[in-house]
Amino acid sequence: MTKILPKDLKVTIITNSFPVASVIEDHPLIDIIFLGGRLYKSAFTTFGNTTLESIANFKADLYFLGVCSITPENLSCNYQEDAETKRAMMKQSVRIVGLCTSDKFDTESSFIIDKTKSLISL
């Protein structure tokens, strides 16, 4: 999604994802705030207390939530730390949009993030 951002878009993006940051690093008008913390090597994202403390210092107008598993009732993921990070970001966000591929529908993972109804769009 970050690859299709208009070149005249002026926003600040807060992320704990190295892949997201690397795609938008050359965008001329986007400011990036990268959340530090412990590195989750397989996803190349950060998590843990440092990440959660950083999230608490921001208020986001819009959060694009990467969905691992979704049912009509719940959003869930495979790792506790990932669920904690996503919940913290949701708490600090005004609106939440879920991003997922069709293979994520009607699947469940071990750690519940929140209710599916918390999304404004999918």
N, C-alpha and C. Protein backbone atom coordinates (compact mmCIF):
# COMPACT_ATOMS: atom_id res chain seq x y z
N MET A 1 0.81 -1.19 0.00
CA MET A 1 0.00 0.00 0.00
C MET A 1 0.86 1.26 0.00
N THR A 2 1.96 1.23 0.72
CA THR A 2 2.78 2.43 0.79
C THR A 2 3.36 2.83 -0.57
N LYS A 3 3.47 1.89 -1.47
CA LYS A 3 4.03 2.18 -2.79
C LYS A 3 3.09 3.04 -3.64
N ILE A 4 1.81 3.08 -3.32
CA ILE A 4 0.86 3.83 -4.13
C ILE A 4 0.54 5.21 -3.56
N LEU A 5 1.25 5.61 -2.52
CA LEU A 5 1.01 6.92 -1.92
C LEU A 5 1.37 8.03 -2.90
N PRO A 6 0.50 9.01 -3.05
CA PRO A 6 0.80 10.12 -3.97
C PRO A 6 2.04 10.88 -3.53
N LYS A 7 2.81 11.36 -4.51
CA LYS A 7 4.05 12.07 -4.21
C LYS A 7 3.81 13.41 -3.52
N ASP A 8 2.58 13.94 -3.60
CA ASP A 8 2.29 15.22 -2.95
C ASP A 8 1.62 15.03 -1.58
N LEU A 9 1.56 13.79 -1.09
CA LEU A 9 0.96 13.51 0.21
C LEU A 9 1.90 13.96 1.33
N LYS A 10 1.39 14.80 2.21
CA LYS A 10 2.19 15.29 3.35
C LYS A 10 1.56 14.75 4.63
N VAL A 11 2.17 13.74 5.20
CA VAL A 11 1.69 13.10 6.42
C VAL A 11 2.87 12.66 7.28
N THR A 12 2.55 12.28 8.51
CA THR A 12 3.53 11.65 9.38
C THR A 12 3.07 10.21 9.57
N ILE A 13 3.97 9.28 9.36
CA ILE A 13 3.67 7.86 9.53
C ILE A 13 4.48 7.33 10.71
N ILE A 14 3.76 6.68 11.62
CA ILE A 14 4.37 6.06 12.80
C ILE A 14 4.34 4.56 12.55
N THR A 15 5.50 3.91 12.63
CA THR A 15 5.54 2.48 12.35
C THR A 15 6.59 1.77 13.20
N ASN A 16 6.35 0.49 13.41
CA ASN A 16 7.34 -0.37 14.04
C ASN A 16 7.87 -1.39 13.04
N SER A 17 7.58 -1.15 11.76
CA SER A 17 7.94 -2.08 10.69
C SER A 17 9.07 -1.54 9.81
N PHE A 18 10.19 -2.24 9.81
CA PHE A 18 11.28 -1.86 8.93
C PHE A 18 10.88 -1.91 7.46
N PRO A 19 10.14 -2.94 7.01
CA PRO A 19 9.72 -2.95 5.60
C PRO A 19 8.87 -1.74 5.22
N VAL A 20 7.96 -1.31 6.09
CA VAL A 20 7.15 -0.13 5.79
C VAL A 20 8.04 1.10 5.72
N ALA A 21 8.90 1.27 6.70
CA ALA A 21 9.79 2.44 6.73
C ALA A 21 10.68 2.48 5.50
N SER A 22 11.19 1.34 5.07
CA SER A 22 12.10 1.33 3.91
C SER A 22 11.39 1.68 2.61
N VAL A 23 10.12 1.34 2.49
CA VAL A 23 9.37 1.67 1.27
C VAL A 23 9.08 3.16 1.19
N ILE A 24 8.86 3.81 2.33
CA ILE A 24 8.48 5.22 2.30
C ILE A 24 9.63 6.18 2.62
N GLU A 25 10.81 5.65 2.87
CA GLU A 25 11.92 6.51 3.29
C GLU A 25 12.28 7.57 2.25
N ASP A 26 12.07 7.31 0.98
CA ASP A 26 12.43 8.27 -0.06
C ASP A 26 11.27 9.17 -0.47
N HIS A 27 10.11 8.99 0.14
CA HIS A 27 8.97 9.85 -0.20
C HIS A 27 9.31 11.28 0.23
N PRO A 28 9.14 12.24 -0.66
CA PRO A 28 9.62 13.60 -0.37
C PRO A 28 8.90 14.34 0.77
N LEU A 29 7.64 14.03 1.05
CA LEU A 29 6.88 14.82 2.02
C LEU A 29 6.43 14.05 3.26
N ILE A 30 6.75 12.78 3.32
CA ILE A 30 6.31 11.97 4.46
C ILE A 30 7.38 11.95 5.54
N ASP A 31 6.97 12.31 6.76
CA ASP A 31 7.83 12.17 7.93
C ASP A 31 7.58 10.79 8.52
N ILE A 32 8.65 10.13 8.92
CA ILE A 32 8.55 8.79 9.51
C ILE A 32 9.01 8.86 10.96
N ILE A 33 8.17 8.33 11.85
CA ILE A 33 8.57 8.13 13.24
C ILE A 33 8.66 6.62 13.42
N PHE A 34 9.87 6.14 13.69
CA PHE A 34 10.07 4.71 13.84
C PHE A 34 10.08 4.36 15.32
N LEU A 35 9.24 3.39 15.69
CA LEU A 35 9.12 2.96 17.08
C LEU A 35 10.21 1.95 17.40
N GLY A 36 11.02 2.28 18.37
CA GLY A 36 12.10 1.39 18.78
C GLY A 36 11.58 0.21 19.59
N GLY A 37 12.47 -0.60 20.03
CA GLY A 37 12.11 -1.75 20.82
C GLY A 37 12.92 -2.96 20.43
N ARG A 38 12.48 -4.09 20.91
CA ARG A 38 13.14 -5.35 20.62
C ARG A 38 12.79 -5.80 19.21
N LEU A 39 13.74 -6.32 18.47
CA LEU A 39 13.51 -6.73 17.09
C LEU A 39 12.92 -8.13 17.01
N TYR A 40 11.78 -8.22 16.35
CA TYR A 40 11.18 -9.51 16.03
C TYR A 40 11.72 -9.86 14.64
N LYS A 41 12.71 -10.74 14.59
CA LYS A 41 13.50 -10.95 13.38
C LYS A 41 12.72 -11.47 12.19
N SER A 42 11.80 -12.38 12.39
CA SER A 42 11.12 -12.96 11.23
C SER A 42 10.18 -11.98 10.54
N ALA A 43 9.61 -11.02 11.29
CA ALA A 43 8.73 -10.02 10.69
C ALA A 43 9.46 -8.70 10.46
N PHE A 44 10.63 -8.55 11.02
CA PHE A 44 11.43 -7.34 10.94
C PHE A 44 10.66 -6.14 11.47
N THR A 45 10.05 -6.35 12.65
CA THR A 45 9.30 -5.30 13.35
C THR A 45 9.84 -5.22 14.78
N THR A 46 9.45 -4.15 15.47
CA THR A 46 9.85 -4.00 16.86
C THR A 46 8.66 -4.25 17.77
N PHE A 47 8.95 -4.65 19.00
CA PHE A 47 7.91 -4.91 19.99
C PHE A 47 8.51 -4.77 21.38
N GLY A 48 7.67 -4.90 22.40
CA GLY A 48 8.14 -4.87 23.78
C GLY A 48 7.83 -3.55 24.47
N ASN A 49 8.34 -3.40 25.68
CA ASN A 49 8.04 -2.23 26.51
C ASN A 49 8.42 -0.92 25.85
N THR A 50 9.57 -0.85 25.22
CA THR A 50 9.99 0.39 24.57
C THR A 50 9.01 0.79 23.48
N THR A 51 8.57 -0.18 22.70
CA THR A 51 7.60 0.08 21.64
C THR A 51 6.29 0.56 22.22
N LEU A 52 5.79 -0.14 23.25
CA LEU A 52 4.52 0.22 23.87
C LEU A 52 4.57 1.60 24.52
N GLU A 53 5.69 1.92 25.16
CA GLU A 53 5.83 3.25 25.76
C GLU A 53 5.84 4.34 24.69
N SER A 54 6.48 4.08 23.58
CA SER A 54 6.51 5.05 22.48
C SER A 54 5.11 5.28 21.91
N ILE A 55 4.37 4.21 21.72
CA ILE A 55 3.01 4.31 21.17
C ILE A 55 2.14 5.19 22.06
N ALA A 56 2.31 5.08 23.36
CA ALA A 56 1.49 5.84 24.31
C ALA A 56 1.70 7.35 24.19
N ASN A 57 2.76 7.76 23.52
CA ASN A 57 3.06 9.19 23.36
C ASN A 57 2.44 9.81 22.11
N PHE A 58 1.69 9.03 21.34
CA PHE A 58 1.12 9.51 20.08
C PHE A 58 -0.39 9.33 20.05
N LYS A 59 -1.04 10.11 19.22
CA LYS A 59 -2.45 9.92 18.88
C LYS A 59 -2.51 9.88 17.36
N ALA A 60 -3.02 8.81 16.81
CA ALA A 60 -3.09 8.65 15.36
C ALA A 60 -4.51 8.91 14.86
N ASP A 61 -4.61 9.63 13.76
CA ASP A 61 -5.91 9.85 13.13
C ASP A 61 -6.41 8.57 12.48
N LEU A 62 -5.49 7.80 11.92
CA LEU A 62 -5.85 6.61 11.16
C LEU A 62 -4.77 5.55 11.36
N TYR A 63 -5.20 4.34 11.67
CA TYR A 63 -4.29 3.21 11.87
C TYR A 63 -4.62 2.14 10.85
N PHE A 64 -3.62 1.75 10.06
CA PHE A 64 -3.78 0.63 9.14
C PHE A 64 -3.25 -0.61 9.85
N LEU A 65 -4.17 -1.46 10.27
CA LEU A 65 -3.87 -2.65 11.06
C LEU A 65 -3.66 -3.84 10.13
N GLY A 66 -2.48 -4.42 10.18
CA GLY A 66 -2.23 -5.66 9.44
C GLY A 66 -2.91 -6.81 10.16
N VAL A 67 -3.89 -7.41 9.50
CA VAL A 67 -4.70 -8.46 10.11
C VAL A 67 -4.10 -9.83 9.80
N CYS A 68 -3.86 -10.61 10.84
CA CYS A 68 -3.33 -11.97 10.68
C CYS A 68 -4.47 -12.98 10.52
N SER A 69 -5.50 -12.82 11.35
CA SER A 69 -6.66 -13.73 11.35
C SER A 69 -7.90 -12.92 11.69
N ILE A 70 -9.01 -13.25 11.02
CA ILE A 70 -10.24 -12.49 11.26
C ILE A 70 -11.46 -13.40 11.16
N THR A 71 -12.34 -13.25 12.14
CA THR A 71 -13.65 -13.91 12.13
C THR A 71 -14.68 -12.78 12.24
N PRO A 72 -15.95 -13.08 12.09
CA PRO A 72 -16.95 -12.02 12.28
C PRO A 72 -16.87 -11.39 13.68
N GLU A 73 -16.34 -12.11 14.64
CA GLU A 73 -16.28 -11.61 16.02
C GLU A 73 -14.94 -10.97 16.38
N ASN A 74 -13.82 -11.61 16.01
CA ASN A 74 -12.51 -11.21 16.54
C ASN A 74 -11.41 -11.06 15.49
N LEU A 75 -10.44 -10.21 15.86
CA LEU A 75 -9.17 -10.10 15.16
C LEU A 75 -8.14 -10.79 16.05
N SER A 76 -7.26 -11.59 15.47
CA SER A 76 -6.27 -12.28 16.30
C SER A 76 -4.96 -12.44 15.53
N CYS A 77 -3.91 -12.81 16.29
CA CYS A 77 -2.61 -13.03 15.67
C CYS A 77 -1.87 -14.14 16.40
N ASN A 78 -0.71 -14.51 15.88
CA ASN A 78 0.02 -15.68 16.38
C ASN A 78 0.92 -15.41 17.57
N TYR A 79 1.25 -14.13 17.83
CA TYR A 79 2.23 -13.83 18.86
C TYR A 79 1.68 -12.82 19.86
N GLN A 80 1.91 -13.08 21.12
CA GLN A 80 1.41 -12.22 22.20
C GLN A 80 1.93 -10.80 22.05
N GLU A 81 3.21 -10.65 21.77
CA GLU A 81 3.81 -9.32 21.66
C GLU A 81 3.21 -8.54 20.49
N ASP A 82 2.91 -9.22 19.41
CA ASP A 82 2.28 -8.57 18.26
C ASP A 82 0.88 -8.10 18.63
N ALA A 83 0.14 -8.92 19.35
CA ALA A 83 -1.21 -8.54 19.80
C ALA A 83 -1.14 -7.33 20.72
N GLU A 84 -0.17 -7.31 21.64
CA GLU A 84 -0.03 -6.18 22.56
C GLU A 84 0.27 -4.89 21.80
N THR A 85 1.15 -4.96 20.82
CA THR A 85 1.51 -3.78 20.02
C THR A 85 0.32 -3.28 19.23
N LYS A 86 -0.41 -4.19 18.61
CA LYS A 86 -1.58 -3.80 17.82
C LYS A 86 -2.68 -3.21 18.71
N ARG A 87 -2.91 -3.80 19.87
CA ARG A 87 -3.91 -3.25 20.81
C ARG A 87 -3.52 -1.84 21.25
N ALA A 88 -2.24 -1.64 21.56
CA ALA A 88 -1.79 -0.32 22.00
C ALA A 88 -1.99 0.71 20.89
N MET A 89 -1.69 0.34 19.67
CA MET A 89 -1.86 1.27 18.56
C MET A 89 -3.34 1.56 18.31
N MET A 90 -4.17 0.55 18.44
CA MET A 90 -5.61 0.75 18.28
C MET A 90 -6.14 1.71 19.33
N LYS A 91 -5.66 1.57 20.56
CA LYS A 91 -6.10 2.43 21.66
C LYS A 91 -5.76 3.90 21.38
N GLN A 92 -4.66 4.13 20.69
CA GLN A 92 -4.20 5.49 20.42
C GLN A 92 -4.70 6.04 19.09
N SER A 93 -5.59 5.31 18.43
CA SER A 93 -6.04 5.70 17.09
C SER A 93 -7.51 6.08 17.06
N VAL A 94 -7.83 7.08 16.26
CA VAL A 94 -9.20 7.53 16.11
C VAL A 94 -9.99 6.56 15.23
N ARG A 95 -9.39 6.17 14.11
CA ARG A 95 -10.05 5.25 13.17
C ARG A 95 -9.09 4.13 12.81
N ILE A 96 -9.65 2.93 12.61
CA ILE A 96 -8.83 1.75 12.33
C ILE A 96 -9.34 1.06 11.09
N VAL A 97 -8.42 0.86 10.14
CA VAL A 97 -8.72 0.14 8.90
C VAL A 97 -7.91 -1.14 8.91
N GLY A 98 -8.58 -2.27 8.70
CA GLY A 98 -7.90 -3.56 8.64
C GLY A 98 -7.41 -3.85 7.24
N LEU A 99 -6.21 -4.35 7.12
CA LEU A 99 -5.63 -4.75 5.84
C LEU A 99 -5.33 -6.24 5.89
N CYS A 100 -5.89 -6.98 4.93
CA CYS A 100 -5.60 -8.41 4.89
C CYS A 100 -5.91 -9.00 3.52
N THR A 101 -5.41 -10.17 3.31
CA THR A 101 -5.71 -10.93 2.10
C THR A 101 -6.85 -11.90 2.41
N SER A 102 -7.48 -12.41 1.38
CA SER A 102 -8.67 -13.25 1.56
C SER A 102 -8.41 -14.53 2.35
N ASP A 103 -7.17 -15.01 2.35
CA ASP A 103 -6.87 -16.24 3.10
C ASP A 103 -6.90 -16.04 4.62
N LYS A 104 -7.03 -14.81 5.08
CA LYS A 104 -7.10 -14.52 6.52
C LYS A 104 -8.52 -14.61 7.07
N PHE A 105 -9.52 -14.58 6.17
CA PHE A 105 -10.92 -14.62 6.58
C PHE A 105 -11.27 -15.97 7.19
N ASP A 106 -12.09 -15.91 8.24
CA ASP A 106 -12.55 -17.11 8.94
C ASP A 106 -11.41 -17.98 9.44
N THR A 107 -10.34 -17.32 9.89
CA THR A 107 -9.24 -18.03 10.53
C THR A 107 -9.06 -17.44 11.92
N GLU A 108 -8.54 -18.24 12.83
CA GLU A 108 -8.29 -17.78 14.19
C GLU A 108 -6.86 -18.10 14.57
N SER A 109 -6.27 -17.18 15.33
CA SER A 109 -4.94 -17.39 15.88
C SER A 109 -5.02 -17.36 17.40
N SER A 110 -3.92 -17.61 18.06
CA SER A 110 -3.91 -17.80 19.51
C SER A 110 -4.19 -16.57 20.35
N PHE A 111 -3.84 -15.38 19.84
CA PHE A 111 -3.93 -14.18 20.66
C PHE A 111 -4.92 -13.17 20.09
N ILE A 112 -5.96 -12.89 20.85
CA ILE A 112 -6.99 -11.94 20.40
C ILE A 112 -6.47 -10.52 20.52
N ILE A 113 -6.69 -9.76 19.45
CA ILE A 113 -6.30 -8.36 19.43
C ILE A 113 -7.46 -7.50 19.90
N ASP A 114 -8.62 -7.67 19.25
CA ASP A 114 -9.81 -6.87 19.57
C ASP A 114 -10.99 -7.46 18.81
N LYS A 115 -12.13 -6.82 18.97
CA LYS A 115 -13.33 -7.20 18.25
C LYS A 115 -13.25 -6.70 16.81
N THR A 116 -13.74 -7.46 15.88
CA THR A 116 -13.75 -7.08 14.48
C THR A 116 -14.54 -5.79 14.26
N LYS A 117 -15.56 -5.57 15.06
CA LYS A 117 -16.40 -4.38 14.90
C LYS A 117 -15.64 -3.09 15.21
N SER A 118 -14.43 -3.18 15.76
CA SER A 118 -13.63 -1.97 16.01
C SER A 118 -13.07 -1.36 14.73
N LEU A 119 -13.12 -2.12 13.63
CA LEU A 119 -12.64 -1.61 12.35
C LEU A 119 -13.70 -0.74 11.68
N ILE A 120 -13.26 0.35 11.05
CA ILE A 120 -14.21 1.16 10.27
C ILE A 120 -14.31 0.64 8.84
N SER A 121 -13.30 -0.12 8.43
CA SER A 121 -13.26 -0.66 7.07
C SER A 121 -12.28 -1.82 7.03
N LEU A 122 -12.47 -2.68 6.05
CA LEU A 122 -11.57 -3.82 5.87
C LEU A 122 -11.18 -3.88 4.41
